[in-house]
């Protein structure tokens, strides 16, 4: 089973995990978050993230989800990547997290593809003509 680390600004990762647990009906194993706060030293967060990855990895690898490209959590996540063992997707959202939880028994490369497509397909505009609003 692929381990999942959600590495985000502040408590966003915790909230994403809570919401995903609600959607899938349980708190999945091998799933954790690490929040980065304004006062945190990135080097200290990196050490904590490496420890969490060790705990989350059962031998199938770990997928790190981060919230925003170029920001501190993403920069830390990029330092964790080890091809085929620890991979990272950026732009974490609830559909992405639910998708990786759902497919985490697949190989890491497949979980990455599923997470990426889930994240992308979960972002769209709903037009007034398409919605079912009762006015």
Protein backbone atom coordinates (compact mmCIF):
# COMPACT_ATOMS: atom_id res chain seq x y z
CA UNK A 1 0.00 0.00 0.00
CA UNK A 2 1.28 3.44 -0.93
CA UNK A 3 1.83 5.79 2.01
CA UNK A 4 0.50 9.31 1.65
CA UNK A 5 1.94 12.47 3.23
CA UNK A 6 0.00 15.71 2.79
CA UNK A 7 2.52 18.55 3.22
CA UNK A 8 0.78 21.93 3.17
CA UNK A 9 0.51 25.39 4.62
CA UNK A 10 -0.66 25.32 8.23
CA UNK A 11 -3.54 22.87 8.88
CA UNK A 12 -4.80 22.53 5.31
CA UNK A 13 -3.48 18.96 5.14
CA UNK A 14 -5.32 17.98 8.31
CA UNK A 15 -8.56 19.40 6.94
CA UNK A 16 -8.11 17.66 3.59
CA UNK A 17 -7.56 14.35 5.37
CA UNK A 18 -10.62 14.87 7.57
CA UNK A 19 -12.77 15.64 4.54
CA UNK A 20 -11.38 12.72 2.54
CA UNK A 21 -11.99 10.40 5.50
CA UNK A 22 -15.60 11.59 5.52
CA UNK A 23 -15.95 10.90 1.80
CA UNK A 24 -14.41 7.41 1.91
CA UNK A 25 -16.11 6.53 5.20
CA UNK A 26 -13.02 6.00 7.37
CA UNK A 27 -9.59 7.36 8.26
CA UNK A 28 -7.23 5.45 5.97
CA UNK A 29 -4.02 3.93 7.32
CA UNK A 30 -0.59 5.16 6.24
CA UNK A 31 -1.94 8.67 5.74
CA UNK A 32 -0.55 11.68 7.57
CA UNK A 33 -0.09 15.41 7.20
CA UNK A 34 2.57 17.92 8.10
CA UNK A 35 1.74 21.60 8.29
CA UNK A 36 4.25 24.34 7.61
CA UNK A 37 3.72 27.48 9.67
CA UNK A 38 5.27 30.94 9.21
CA UNK A 39 7.54 30.49 12.23
CA UNK A 40 8.85 27.07 11.13
CA UNK A 41 12.43 26.56 10.01
CA UNK A 42 12.18 24.67 6.68
CA UNK A 43 15.15 22.49 7.65
CA UNK A 44 13.32 21.34 10.80
CA UNK A 45 10.20 20.58 8.74
CA UNK A 46 12.32 18.60 6.29
CA UNK A 47 13.65 16.41 9.13
CA UNK A 48 10.08 15.81 10.39
CA UNK A 49 8.88 15.01 6.87
CA UNK A 50 11.65 12.44 6.36
CA UNK A 51 10.68 10.73 9.63
CA UNK A 52 7.03 10.64 8.59
CA UNK A 53 7.95 9.15 5.22
CA UNK A 54 9.88 6.37 6.97
CA UNK A 55 6.80 5.63 9.08
CA UNK A 56 4.41 5.74 6.11
CA UNK A 57 6.46 3.58 3.75
CA UNK A 58 5.60 -0.12 3.95
CA UNK A 59 7.85 -0.85 0.98
CA UNK A 60 5.55 0.31 -1.82
CA UNK A 61 6.58 3.97 -1.70
CA UNK A 62 5.11 7.24 -0.51
CA UNK A 63 3.25 9.91 -2.41
CA UNK A 64 3.63 13.45 -1.06
CA UNK A 65 0.83 15.88 -1.87
CA UNK A 66 1.61 19.57 -1.53
CA UNK A 67 -0.67 22.54 -1.95
CA UNK A 68 1.03 25.22 -4.03
CA UNK A 69 3.89 25.20 -6.51
CA UNK A 70 6.82 27.37 -5.48
CA UNK A 71 5.74 27.79 -1.86
CA UNK A 72 7.68 26.53 1.16
CA UNK A 73 5.75 23.24 1.59
CA UNK A 74 6.32 22.41 -2.08
CA UNK A 75 9.98 23.36 -1.86
CA UNK A 76 10.38 21.02 1.10
CA UNK A 77 8.45 18.26 -0.70
CA UNK A 78 10.72 18.58 -3.73
CA UNK A 79 13.69 17.74 -1.50
CA UNK A 80 11.99 14.51 -0.44
CA UNK A 81 11.55 13.07 -3.94
CA UNK A 82 13.37 9.82 -4.68
CA UNK A 83 12.39 8.50 -8.09
CA UNK A 84 10.12 5.48 -7.78
CA UNK A 85 10.16 5.56 -3.98
CA UNK A 86 8.96 9.01 -2.89
CA UNK A 87 7.05 11.04 -5.45
CA UNK A 88 5.22 14.37 -5.22
CA UNK A 89 2.11 15.93 -6.71
CA UNK A 90 1.48 19.65 -6.28
CA UNK A 91 -1.88 21.42 -6.25
CA UNK A 92 -3.45 19.11 -3.70
CA UNK A 93 -7.22 19.21 -3.53
CA UNK A 94 -9.92 16.95 -2.14
CA UNK A 95 -10.65 15.07 -5.41
CA UNK A 96 -6.92 14.36 -5.78
CA UNK A 97 -6.62 13.02 -2.24
CA UNK A 98 -9.74 10.86 -2.52
CA UNK A 99 -8.44 9.43 -5.79
CA UNK A 100 -5.01 8.52 -4.40
CA UNK A 101 -6.61 6.94 -1.33
CA UNK A 102 -8.91 4.91 -3.57
CA UNK A 103 -6.12 3.60 -5.83
CA UNK A 104 -3.25 3.36 -3.33
CA UNK A 105 -2.97 -0.42 -3.68
CA UNK A 106 -1.83 0.07 -7.27
CA UNK A 107 1.83 0.73 -8.19
CA UNK A 108 3.12 4.19 -7.26
CA UNK A 109 3.32 5.27 -10.91
CA UNK A 110 -0.38 4.45 -11.38
CA UNK A 111 -1.37 6.23 -8.17
CA UNK A 112 0.41 9.35 -9.42
CA UNK A 113 -1.56 9.25 -12.68
CA UNK A 114 -4.86 8.69 -10.86
CA UNK A 115 -4.14 11.51 -8.40
CA UNK A 116 -3.16 13.90 -11.15
CA UNK A 117 -6.26 13.16 -13.21
CA UNK A 118 -8.50 13.35 -10.11
CA UNK A 119 -7.07 16.73 -9.19
CA UNK A 120 -7.52 18.08 -12.69
CA UNK A 121 -11.01 16.74 -13.27
CA UNK A 122 -12.09 18.07 -9.88
CA UNK A 123 -11.52 21.65 -11.02
CA UNK A 124 -14.13 23.12 -13.34
CA UNK A 125 -16.54 25.98 -13.75
CA UNK A 126 -20.24 25.42 -13.29
CA UNK A 127 -22.19 27.70 -15.59
CA UNK A 128 -25.57 29.10 -14.61
CA UNK A 129 -27.18 27.29 -17.55
CA UNK A 130 -25.78 23.95 -16.34
CA UNK A 131 -26.71 24.26 -12.70
CA UNK A 132 -29.98 23.12 -11.22
CA UNK A 133 -30.65 26.18 -9.09
CA UNK A 134 -34.27 26.78 -8.25
CA UNK A 135 -34.78 30.54 -8.28
